[in-house]
């Protein structure tokens, strides 16, 4: 949760809050990139004999990505005020 959260936070700051519109839903681009990496990681763990894909691990990653991206948005808003 922490590692991917930090990646989402730093990416969101670096991408300057870039957004991606899909089906009338606006998603921060950093969140989408880090989430895609997270999904890829869980899929590869499913096929590794000594690793296991876990839904709680995926949920923790998603929670970290959301929380840290939102905190990056709040930080950037406070800096620009």
C-alpha atoms as a PDB file:
ATOM      1  CA  UNK A   1       0.000   0.000   0.000  1.00  0.00           C
ATOM      2  CA  UNK A   2       2.706   2.442   0.961  1.00  0.00           C
ATOM      3  CA  UNK A   3       5.029   1.851  -1.992  1.00  0.00           C
ATOM      4  CA  UNK A   4       2.343   2.165  -4.657  1.00  0.00           C
ATOM      5  CA  UNK A   5       0.780   5.040  -2.743  1.00  0.00           C
ATOM      6  CA  UNK A   6       4.058   6.947  -2.835  1.00  0.00           C
ATOM      7  CA  UNK A   7       4.413   6.143  -6.535  1.00  0.00           C
ATOM      8  CA  UNK A   8       0.908   7.520  -7.146  1.00  0.00           C
ATOM      9  CA  UNK A   9       1.623  10.620  -5.048  1.00  0.00           C
ATOM     10  CA  UNK A  10       4.869  11.471  -6.836  1.00  0.00           C
ATOM     11  CA  UNK A  11       3.438  10.642 -10.269  1.00  0.00           C
ATOM     12  CA  UNK A  12       0.398  12.814  -9.660  1.00  0.00           C
ATOM     13  CA  UNK A  13       2.599  15.733  -8.687  1.00  0.00           C
ATOM     14  CA  UNK A  14       4.918  15.227 -11.636  1.00  0.00           C
ATOM     15  CA  UNK A  15       2.046  14.924 -14.116  1.00  0.00           C
ATOM     16  CA  UNK A  16       0.553  18.165 -12.709  1.00  0.00           C
ATOM     17  CA  UNK A  17      -2.843  16.631 -11.910  1.00  0.00           C
ATOM     18  CA  UNK A  18      -3.382  15.395 -15.488  1.00  0.00           C
ATOM     19  CA  UNK A  19      -6.749  13.724 -15.927  1.00  0.00           C
ATOM     20  CA  UNK A  20      -8.083  11.054 -18.260  1.00  0.00           C
ATOM     21  CA  UNK A  21     -11.752  11.147 -19.338  1.00  0.00           C
ATOM     22  CA  UNK A  22     -13.442   7.811 -19.933  1.00  0.00           C
ATOM     23  CA  UNK A  23     -17.206   7.293 -20.231  1.00  0.00           C
ATOM     24  CA  UNK A  24     -17.954  10.643 -18.542  1.00  0.00           C
ATOM     25  CA  UNK A  25     -15.679   9.718 -15.625  1.00  0.00           C
ATOM     26  CA  UNK A  26     -12.545  11.724 -14.945  1.00  0.00           C
ATOM     27  CA  UNK A  27      -9.657   9.693 -13.531  1.00  0.00           C
ATOM     28  CA  UNK A  28      -6.268  11.127 -12.557  1.00  0.00           C
ATOM     29  CA  UNK A  29      -3.696   9.857 -15.058  1.00  0.00           C
ATOM     30  CA  UNK A  30      -1.178   8.942 -12.339  1.00  0.00           C
ATOM     31  CA  UNK A  31      -3.796   6.801 -10.605  1.00  0.00           C
ATOM     32  CA  UNK A  32      -4.526   4.987 -13.862  1.00  0.00           C
ATOM     33  CA  UNK A  33      -0.846   4.321 -14.595  1.00  0.00           C
ATOM     34  CA  UNK A  34      -0.014   3.027 -11.113  1.00  0.00           C
ATOM     35  CA  UNK A  35      -3.239   0.986 -10.970  1.00  0.00           C
ATOM     36  CA  UNK A  36      -2.369  -0.658 -14.305  1.00  0.00           C
ATOM     37  CA  UNK A  37       1.035  -1.590 -12.921  1.00  0.00           C
ATOM     38  CA  UNK A  38      -0.618  -2.998  -9.808  1.00  0.00           C
ATOM     39  CA  UNK A  39      -3.009  -5.156 -11.842  1.00  0.00           C
ATOM     40  CA  UNK A  40      -0.133  -6.412 -13.992  1.00  0.00           C
ATOM     41  CA  UNK A  41       1.810  -7.334 -10.841  1.00  0.00           C
ATOM     42  CA  UNK A  42      -1.101  -9.310  -9.389  1.00  0.00           C
ATOM     43  CA  UNK A  43      -1.659 -11.138 -12.690  1.00  0.00           C
ATOM     44  CA  UNK A  44       1.994 -12.149 -12.902  1.00  0.00           C
ATOM     45  CA  UNK A  45       1.921 -13.329  -9.277  1.00  0.00           C
ATOM     46  CA  UNK A  46      -0.974 -15.621 -10.178  1.00  0.00           C
ATOM     47  CA  UNK A  47       1.241 -17.491 -12.647  1.00  0.00           C
ATOM     48  CA  UNK A  48       4.368 -17.662 -10.468  1.00  0.00           C
ATOM     49  CA  UNK A  49       4.696 -20.974  -8.585  1.00  0.00           C
ATOM     50  CA  UNK A  50       6.109 -19.445  -5.385  1.00  0.00           C
ATOM     51  CA  UNK A  51       3.878 -16.349  -5.308  1.00  0.00           C
ATOM     52  CA  UNK A  52       0.154 -15.988  -4.899  1.00  0.00           C
ATOM     53  CA  UNK A  53      -2.259 -13.362  -6.125  1.00  0.00           C
ATOM     54  CA  UNK A  54      -4.339 -12.028  -3.262  1.00  0.00           C
ATOM     55  CA  UNK A  55      -7.474  -9.895  -3.450  1.00  0.00           C
ATOM     56  CA  UNK A  56      -6.690  -8.205  -0.111  1.00  0.00           C
ATOM     57  CA  UNK A  57      -3.267  -7.235  -1.428  1.00  0.00           C
ATOM     58  CA  UNK A  58      -4.921  -5.734  -4.502  1.00  0.00           C
ATOM     59  CA  UNK A  59      -7.447  -3.893  -2.320  1.00  0.00           C
ATOM     60  CA  UNK A  60      -4.644  -2.462  -0.156  1.00  0.00           C
ATOM     61  CA  UNK A  61      -2.809  -1.273  -3.268  1.00  0.00           C
ATOM     62  CA  UNK A  62      -5.940   0.395  -4.618  1.00  0.00           C
ATOM     63  CA  UNK A  63      -6.607   2.073  -1.263  1.00  0.00           C
ATOM     64  CA  UNK A  64      -3.040   3.384  -1.137  1.00  0.00           C
ATOM     65  CA  UNK A  65      -3.253   4.704  -4.685  1.00  0.00           C
ATOM     66  CA  UNK A  66      -6.511   6.547  -3.974  1.00  0.00           C
ATOM     67  CA  UNK A  67      -5.436   7.994  -0.620  1.00  0.00           C
ATOM     68  CA  UNK A  68      -2.029   9.180  -1.792  1.00  0.00           C
ATOM     69  CA  UNK A  69      -3.366  10.622  -5.066  1.00  0.00           C
ATOM     70  CA  UNK A  70      -5.964  12.608  -3.139  1.00  0.00           C
ATOM     71  CA  UNK A  71      -3.331  13.862  -0.731  1.00  0.00           C
ATOM     72  CA  UNK A  72      -1.211  14.950  -3.723  1.00  0.00           C
ATOM     73  CA  UNK A  73      -4.208  16.891  -5.053  1.00  0.00           C
ATOM     74  CA  UNK A  74      -4.679  18.608  -1.697  1.00  0.00           C
ATOM     75  CA  UNK A  75      -0.963  19.404  -1.489  1.00  0.00           C
ATOM     76  CA  UNK A  76      -0.882  20.890  -4.966  1.00  0.00           C
ATOM     77  CA  UNK A  77      -3.996  22.980  -4.212  1.00  0.00           C
ATOM     78  CA  UNK A  78      -2.420  24.378  -1.048  1.00  0.00           C
ATOM     79  CA  UNK A  79       0.822  25.232  -2.854  1.00  0.00           C
ATOM     80  CA  UNK A  80      -0.989  27.138  -5.625  1.00  0.00           C
ATOM     81  CA  UNK A  81      -3.165  29.205  -3.263  1.00  0.00           C
END
